[in-house]
Each structure stands twice: as structure tokens, then as C-alpha cells.
Amino acid sequence: MESKKAPVDVESLEGRVARLEDQTRFTLDALELAASLGEFEVGISSLHEPTLLLREVVARVATITPFAASAVYLVDEGSSDFYQAYSDRQEWSAQIESAITSFIDSGMFTFALREGRPVIVHSVELQRRVVLHVLETSSRVRGMFVGVFSEGAKNLTAVEMALLSIVCKNCASAVEVFELYKCFKCGGEDVIAFSDSLPAGVVDLSKNGRILITNKFASKLLGSVATPEKRYLTEFLIPEERERIASLLISCCAFSVPEQEYQTESLAKTQSTMRTQTVLDSAEGQKNISLHITPLQRNGDTFLRGVLAPMDEMYNGAALVEGM
């Protein structure tokens, strides 16, 4: 009885193996690139403006796909307007600005803000295709990445679009951290105004634990801070926790000699940050909270900055707490 098996096509099998090898190699290269896209070499704490950070972001995007011109728009914290914070091709800046104005008027810019992924659209002003990608964290929109395609450039592949999203998300997080550093280095009213927008409680304490400043979230969490009989953080805790937290504040101050000064405010050694859980005794009942205390210096005076977050809301505030 003759075998009915089809003859083996060796060349076809070799071709399939080669294609699978190429696909595997490409996948591994893409994963390696994705892992490195969030490792910015710029030290956030040493920056006075985000230009160097945005330049590195654009450079990272160029490793994925080259654009004829790239620009990054950021949100002005005061007016909430978008402004062009960086462009790698200054000769394209005016045209990109004109294109963005047109996108805003047509509603395409708003559409891209909502999408959270690359949006490719044709620009009449540039006579090119343009990719828009929102820069957004879990708390707010930070800006928009704009990439202008070269003439005849191919569309982005699914992998390239995913990698672009990784860069933009990391960029948004880095910008947010930069804004936090900038705000907390400035001190004074800027700290109060900015901290009021944060989704976590921020409270400044004297070395003996007396409450100096609270943001809106902390005031709501603690109750009425203005209550005359309650001036110290420990007074807002259940009696069983007061002595332990008071000892923690003393220990935290013992490590408050900073390694170096950053303008008017300096961060103490990393290991001096104290993290614990405690229980508030509020008018609404007992609340389990996460408490982070860090000693800082402003104009030579030491104080303690605390970050408080209800344990049932830690998912929303965890990244912010760790960043501070």
C-alpha cells in the first residue's frame, strides 16, 4: 500500500523557520526597548525647567520611529492652557503651532486627549500626517506629544504604537514628578496652592508635631484642624497610637541633617523617611491611614512633611506617595 503523505517541501519549511526567527528576534528587541524607555538619564531633582527631560523623551521616540519634526506641549499649571515646551526642529515650530490651533478648533485635539493612544491625522498647515499622543498620569493630563511624519513614511505598526504609548506615559509621570519637586522646592504659598490639588493629604509639622500647614485633602481627612484643642497631629489619633507616633516623629527628626541643599528646601537622607500605618479618631469614626513622614529643611529650619492616605484609597494615591 502506497503512502499518501505529501512530499516534504524543505525550502518552504526553511522559509517558515526563518520568518519565525525574525519574528522572535523582533519581539525580543521590542521588549528590550520597552524596558529601557522609562530610564531617563536626566536627574529630576536637579532640573529648573523640563527642557532637558523633554529633549530626552523626543530622543527616545526617535529610537522607535524617526519623525521629520517632534514637539511636546505641556499644560500651564496657572491657566490650564497648552504651550509648546520643546521642539527638536525650531524651523517647524510655527507650523506645528498653527496645526495645533487648527486641531483645537476642529475638536481633534480634544479627541486625542480622550483617546489615551496614538491618534494619526492629516494637517493642512503641515501638508503631512501628524501623530498626537496625550501625556497623562492617573491624576491629570500633563501635555501632548506631536510627531510630524516624513513624506512617504509608512504607518506605525501596532508594536511601534504600543512603544510610543510607553514613552508618553513615562514622560507624563516624569513631568509630574518634576512639577512636584519644583513646587516643594519653592515653598510658601506655591506649596499650599499646588498641594490642594493632590489626591492625598499633605501636612507640614513642627519638630514637636504641631500642625503648621495642611492641604484640603488632609483638612477633610483630619476634620477641623482649626479646633483650638487639637493642634498636634497625635491629637487626631486614637489614644493607643499617640505615644508610638510621637516617638516616630522624634526619631525622624534625629535623621534630619540633609546631605545637600536644594535652593530653599532640602531633602534629608533617604533612609530618614518614616512609613507606617496608624488610625485616625475623626468625627466620622476611626480611619486606617498610611502615614509617610520626611524631615525637610527650609531656610535652615527643620520641619516634617507628612503624606496621609486612607488605606482603602491607596490604589489611587500609592504612586503619588512613593513619588514624594
Protein backbone atom coordinates (compact mmCIF):
# COMPACT_ATOMS: atom_id res chain seq x y z
CA MET A 1 0.00 0.00 0.00
CA GLU A 2 1.49 3.27 -1.10
CA SER A 3 1.90 6.15 1.37
CA LYS A 4 -0.38 9.15 0.72
CA LYS A 5 1.80 11.64 2.62
CA ALA A 6 2.68 14.75 0.61
CA PRO A 7 6.38 15.22 -0.09
CA VAL A 8 8.17 17.48 2.35
CA ASP A 9 8.96 20.91 0.91
CA VAL A 10 12.30 21.62 2.59
CA GLU A 11 12.63 25.12 1.17
CA SER A 12 9.16 26.07 2.42
CA LEU A 13 9.95 24.80 5.92
CA GLU A 14 13.25 26.67 5.97
CA GLY A 15 11.44 29.84 4.95
CA ARG A 16 8.90 29.44 7.73
CA VAL A 17 11.65 28.83 10.30
CA ALA A 18 13.50 31.95 9.11
CA ARG A 19 10.33 34.07 9.39
CA LEU A 20 9.65 32.73 12.89
CA GLU A 21 13.23 33.50 13.91
CA ASP A 22 12.90 37.06 12.59
CA GLN A 23 9.59 37.49 14.40
CA THR A 24 11.04 36.18 17.67
CA ARG A 25 14.11 38.40 17.34
CA PHE A 26 11.91 41.44 16.65
CA THR A 27 9.71 40.64 19.66
CA LEU A 28 12.74 40.31 21.96
CA ASP A 29 14.22 43.57 20.62
CA ALA A 30 10.89 45.33 21.18
CA LEU A 31 10.65 44.03 24.75
CA GLU A 32 14.22 45.12 25.48
CA LEU A 33 13.50 48.57 24.04
CA ALA A 34 10.27 48.84 26.05
CA ALA A 35 12.15 48.01 29.25
CA SER A 36 14.66 50.82 28.64
CA LEU A 37 12.24 53.55 27.53
CA GLY A 38 11.41 54.65 31.06
CA GLU A 39 15.00 55.00 32.26
CA PHE A 40 15.63 58.72 31.91
CA GLU A 41 19.21 59.80 32.48
CA VAL A 42 18.21 63.33 33.50
CA GLY A 43 18.11 63.85 37.27
CA ILE A 44 14.67 65.32 38.00
CA SER A 45 15.71 66.94 41.28
CA SER A 46 18.46 68.95 39.57
CA LEU A 47 16.26 70.48 36.86
CA HIS A 48 14.98 74.05 36.94
CA GLU A 49 12.94 73.59 33.73
CA PRO A 50 11.78 70.47 31.85
CA THR A 51 13.62 71.15 28.56
CA LEU A 52 16.36 68.54 29.09
CA LEU A 53 13.78 65.96 30.10
CA LEU A 54 11.61 66.62 27.04
CA ARG A 55 14.65 66.52 24.76
CA GLU A 56 15.45 63.05 26.06
CA VAL A 57 11.83 61.97 25.59
CA VAL A 58 11.92 63.02 21.92
CA ALA A 59 15.22 61.18 21.53
CA ARG A 60 13.61 58.02 22.93
CA VAL A 61 10.72 58.34 20.49
CA ALA A 62 13.25 58.59 17.65
CA THR A 63 14.56 55.14 18.57
CA ILE A 64 11.10 53.77 17.78
CA THR A 65 10.41 55.69 14.57
CA PRO A 66 12.02 58.82 13.08
CA PHE A 67 9.82 61.89 12.61
CA ALA A 68 10.53 64.89 10.41
CA ALA A 69 9.86 67.05 13.48
CA SER A 70 8.69 66.43 17.02
CA ALA A 71 7.28 68.74 19.69
CA VAL A 72 5.99 68.40 23.22
CA TYR A 73 3.19 70.55 24.61
CA LEU A 74 2.73 70.92 28.36
CA VAL A 75 -0.14 72.27 30.44
CA ASP A 76 0.39 75.61 32.12
CA GLU A 77 -0.49 74.97 35.79
CA GLY A 78 -1.76 78.51 36.20
CA SER A 79 -4.03 78.90 33.18
CA SER A 80 -4.52 75.23 32.16
CA ASP A 81 -3.59 76.23 28.58
CA PHE A 82 -1.28 74.13 26.40
CA TYR A 83 2.03 75.66 25.35
CA GLN A 84 4.87 74.38 23.18
CA ALA A 85 7.55 73.48 25.71
CA TYR A 86 10.02 71.82 23.34
CA SER A 87 10.60 71.25 19.62
CA ASP A 88 13.55 69.43 18.08
CA ARG A 89 13.22 71.42 14.83
CA GLN A 90 12.78 75.12 15.52
CA GLU A 91 12.08 75.86 11.86
CA TRP A 92 8.92 73.74 12.19
CA SER A 93 7.70 75.32 15.44
CA ALA A 94 5.46 77.97 13.89
CA GLN A 95 3.84 75.48 11.51
CA ILE A 96 3.26 72.98 14.31
CA GLU A 97 1.74 75.73 16.42
CA SER A 98 -0.61 76.62 13.56
CA ALA A 99 -1.55 72.96 13.10
CA ILE A 100 -2.30 72.53 16.81
CA THR A 101 -4.53 75.62 16.75
CA SER A 102 -6.42 74.09 13.84
CA PHE A 103 -6.75 70.76 15.68
CA ILE A 104 -8.13 72.57 18.73
CA ASP A 105 -10.68 74.44 16.62
CA SER A 106 -11.81 71.27 14.86
CA GLY A 107 -12.07 69.22 18.07
CA MET A 108 -9.37 66.77 17.00
CA PHE A 109 -7.09 67.87 19.85
CA THR A 110 -9.83 67.17 22.40
CA PHE A 111 -10.44 63.80 20.77
CA ALA A 112 -6.75 62.90 21.14
CA LEU A 113 -6.84 63.94 24.81
CA ARG A 114 -9.63 61.45 25.47
CA GLU A 115 -8.18 58.55 23.48
CA GLY A 116 -5.07 57.81 25.53
CA ARG A 117 -3.36 56.26 22.50
CA PRO A 118 -1.68 57.50 19.28
CA VAL A 119 -4.07 59.41 17.01
CA ILE A 120 -2.92 59.98 13.42
CA VAL A 121 -4.47 62.85 11.48
CA HIS A 122 -3.62 64.89 8.36
CA SER A 123 -2.60 68.51 8.85
CA VAL A 124 -3.43 71.05 6.12
CA GLU A 125 -0.90 73.51 7.55
CA LEU A 126 1.95 71.00 7.50
CA GLN A 127 0.77 69.03 4.46
CA ARG A 128 1.83 65.96 6.40
CA ARG A 129 0.36 63.31 8.63
CA VAL A 130 0.74 64.04 12.33
CA VAL A 131 0.56 61.73 15.33
CA LEU A 132 -0.86 63.10 18.58
CA HIS A 133 -0.43 61.29 21.89
CA VAL A 134 -1.68 62.65 25.21
CA LEU A 135 0.75 62.81 28.14
CA GLU A 136 -1.43 61.70 31.02
CA THR A 137 -0.99 60.28 34.52
CA SER A 138 -3.61 58.72 36.76
CA SER A 139 -4.33 62.14 38.26
CA ARG A 140 -4.31 64.57 35.32
CA VAL A 141 -3.37 65.46 31.74
CA ARG A 142 0.18 66.82 31.58
CA GLY A 143 0.59 67.60 27.88
CA MET A 144 0.65 66.28 24.34
CA PHE A 145 3.34 64.73 22.14
CA VAL A 146 3.28 65.80 18.47
CA GLY A 147 5.17 63.91 15.77
CA VAL A 148 5.25 65.05 12.12
CA PHE A 149 5.70 62.19 9.64
CA SER A 150 8.23 62.42 6.82
CA GLU A 151 6.88 62.42 3.29
CA GLY A 152 6.09 58.89 2.18
CA ALA A 153 6.60 57.44 5.67
CA LYS A 154 4.73 54.23 6.45
CA ASN A 155 2.05 53.99 9.10
CA LEU A 156 3.12 53.00 12.60
CA THR A 157 2.88 49.31 13.34
CA ALA A 158 0.93 48.05 16.37
CA VAL A 159 4.22 47.42 18.20
CA GLU A 160 5.53 50.92 17.42
CA MET A 161 2.28 52.47 18.64
CA ALA A 162 2.47 50.48 21.87
CA LEU A 163 6.10 51.57 22.42
CA LEU A 164 5.16 55.20 21.74
CA SER A 165 2.47 54.92 24.40
CA ILE A 166 5.07 53.61 26.88
CA VAL A 167 7.33 56.61 26.25
CA CYS A 168 4.44 59.09 26.56
CA LYS A 169 3.19 57.58 29.81
CA ASN A 170 6.70 57.65 31.28
CA CYS A 171 7.13 61.22 30.06
CA ALA A 172 3.89 62.29 31.76
CA SER A 173 4.98 60.66 35.03
CA ALA A 174 8.42 62.31 34.84
CA VAL A 175 6.84 65.73 34.21
CA GLU A 176 4.54 65.22 37.18
CA VAL A 177 7.47 64.33 39.43
CA PHE A 178 9.34 67.39 38.14
CA GLU A 179 6.37 69.63 38.99
CA LEU A 180 6.24 68.14 42.49
CA TYR A 181 9.96 68.78 43.03
CA LYS A 182 9.65 72.30 41.68
CA CYS A 183 6.70 73.08 43.87
CA PHE A 184 8.11 71.67 47.08
CA LYS A 185 11.50 73.34 46.50
CA CYS A 186 9.82 76.74 46.17
CA GLY A 187 7.98 76.56 49.47
CA GLY A 188 5.50 79.14 50.73
CA GLU A 189 2.16 79.79 49.04
CA ASP A 190 3.14 77.81 45.92
CA VAL A 191 3.31 74.63 48.02
CA ILE A 192 -0.11 75.28 49.53
CA ALA A 193 -1.74 76.05 46.19
CA PHE A 194 -0.25 73.03 44.46
CA SER A 195 -0.80 70.58 47.32
CA ASP A 196 -4.51 71.45 47.38
CA SER A 197 -4.85 69.73 44.01
CA LEU A 198 -3.23 66.47 45.14
CA PRO A 199 -5.28 63.29 45.73
CA ALA A 200 -3.56 62.69 49.09
CA GLY A 201 -3.25 64.52 52.38
CA VAL A 202 -0.19 66.75 52.85
CA VAL A 203 0.58 68.19 56.28
CA ASP A 204 3.62 70.15 57.48
CA LEU A 205 4.56 69.70 61.14
CA SER A 206 6.94 71.40 63.50
CA LYS A 207 9.66 69.26 65.08
CA ASN A 208 7.40 68.57 68.07
CA GLY A 209 4.49 67.51 65.87
CA ARG A 210 2.42 70.72 65.88
CA ILE A 211 0.43 71.18 62.67
CA LEU A 212 1.68 74.11 60.57
CA ILE A 213 0.00 73.67 57.18
CA THR A 214 -2.49 71.21 55.69
CA ASN A 215 -3.86 70.86 52.18
CA LYS A 216 -7.59 70.46 51.51
CA PHE A 217 -7.44 66.65 51.44
CA ALA A 218 -5.67 66.48 54.80
CA SER A 219 -8.05 69.02 56.36
CA LYS A 220 -11.01 66.93 55.29
CA LEU A 221 -9.32 63.75 56.49
CA LEU A 222 -8.43 65.16 59.91
CA GLY A 223 -11.61 67.12 60.41
CA SER A 224 -11.41 70.70 61.60
CA VAL A 225 -7.71 71.45 62.09
CA ALA A 226 -8.73 74.87 63.40
CA THR A 227 -10.26 73.27 66.52
CA PRO A 228 -8.44 75.03 69.39
CA GLU A 229 -7.97 71.89 71.48
CA LYS A 230 -6.38 69.99 68.59
CA ARG A 231 -3.10 71.49 67.43
CA TYR A 232 -0.86 68.42 67.19
CA LEU A 233 -1.08 65.52 64.76
CA THR A 234 -1.10 62.96 67.57
CA GLU A 235 -4.28 64.52 68.98
CA PHE A 236 -6.15 63.33 65.87
CA LEU A 237 -5.16 59.71 66.50
CA ILE A 238 -6.73 57.08 68.70
CA PRO A 239 -5.18 57.13 72.23
CA GLU A 240 -3.40 53.82 71.70
CA GLU A 241 -1.39 55.26 68.77
CA ARG A 242 -0.37 58.66 70.11
CA GLU A 243 2.78 57.67 72.02
CA ARG A 244 4.08 55.49 69.17
CA ILE A 245 3.62 58.19 66.51
CA ALA A 246 5.13 60.84 68.80
CA SER A 247 8.22 58.62 69.17
CA LEU A 248 8.32 58.13 65.42
CA LEU A 249 8.37 61.91 64.84
CA ILE A 250 11.24 62.30 67.30
CA SER A 251 13.18 59.51 65.54
CA CYS A 252 12.51 61.11 62.18
CA CYS A 253 13.95 64.43 63.34
CA ALA A 254 17.08 62.65 64.54
CA PHE A 255 17.95 61.92 60.89
CA SER A 256 17.09 65.37 59.61
CA VAL A 257 20.61 66.59 58.72
CA PRO A 258 20.45 66.95 54.91
CA GLU A 259 23.10 65.67 52.54
CA GLN A 260 22.89 68.74 50.31
CA GLU A 261 20.83 71.87 49.85
CA TYR A 262 18.32 72.31 47.01
CA GLN A 263 17.55 76.03 46.79
CA THR A 264 15.39 77.00 49.82
CA GLU A 265 14.36 73.48 50.77
CA SER A 266 16.35 70.29 51.11
CA LEU A 267 15.53 66.63 51.46
CA ALA A 268 17.07 64.69 54.31
CA LYS A 269 18.80 61.37 53.78
CA THR A 270 16.60 58.83 52.00
CA GLN A 271 16.55 56.46 54.96
CA SER A 272 15.10 59.16 57.21
CA THR A 273 11.64 58.88 55.63
CA MET A 274 9.36 57.04 58.02
CA ARG A 275 6.49 54.91 56.72
CA THR A 276 3.84 53.42 58.95
CA GLN A 277 0.13 52.78 59.37
CA THR A 278 -1.97 54.37 62.06
CA VAL A 279 -5.60 55.09 63.00
CA LEU A 280 -7.33 58.47 62.95
CA ASP A 281 -10.03 59.21 65.50
CA SER A 282 -12.25 61.55 63.48
CA ALA A 283 -15.83 62.76 63.85
CA GLU A 284 -16.78 60.23 61.18
CA GLY A 285 -15.25 57.36 63.15
CA GLN A 286 -11.90 55.60 63.10
CA LYS A 287 -9.97 55.54 59.82
CA ASN A 288 -6.93 53.42 58.97
CA ILE A 289 -4.37 55.54 57.15
CA SER A 290 -0.91 55.23 55.66
CA LEU A 291 1.47 57.85 57.06
CA HIS A 292 4.77 58.92 55.46
CA ILE A 293 6.90 61.46 57.34
CA THR A 294 10.00 63.10 55.84
CA PRO A 295 12.24 65.71 57.56
CA LEU A 296 12.97 68.75 55.39
CA GLN A 297 14.83 72.00 55.80
CA ARG A 298 13.70 75.37 54.54
CA ASN A 299 15.98 78.36 55.05
CA GLY A 300 17.87 76.47 57.74
CA ASP A 301 14.80 75.47 59.79
CA THR A 302 13.83 71.81 60.10
CA PHE A 303 10.22 70.71 59.77
CA LEU A 304 8.39 67.48 58.96
CA ARG A 305 6.26 66.87 55.87
CA GLY A 306 3.66 64.17 56.16
CA VAL A 307 1.65 62.43 53.47
CA LEU A 308 -1.57 60.76 54.61
CA ALA A 309 -3.80 58.44 52.59
CA PRO A 310 -6.77 56.31 53.67
CA MET A 311 -5.89 52.64 53.34
CA ASP A 312 -8.99 51.97 51.23
CA GLU A 313 -7.83 54.64 48.73
CA MET A 314 -4.17 53.61 48.50
CA TYR A 315 -4.60 52.32 44.94
CA ASN A 316 -5.23 55.86 43.67
CA GLY A 317 -2.62 57.53 45.84
CA ALA A 318 0.18 54.94 46.01
CA ALA A 319 2.21 56.27 43.04
CA LEU A 320 1.95 59.82 44.35
CA VAL A 321 3.03 58.84 47.86
CA GLU A 322 6.03 56.91 46.58
CA GLY A 323 7.00 59.83 44.31
CA MET A 324 7.10 62.21 47.24
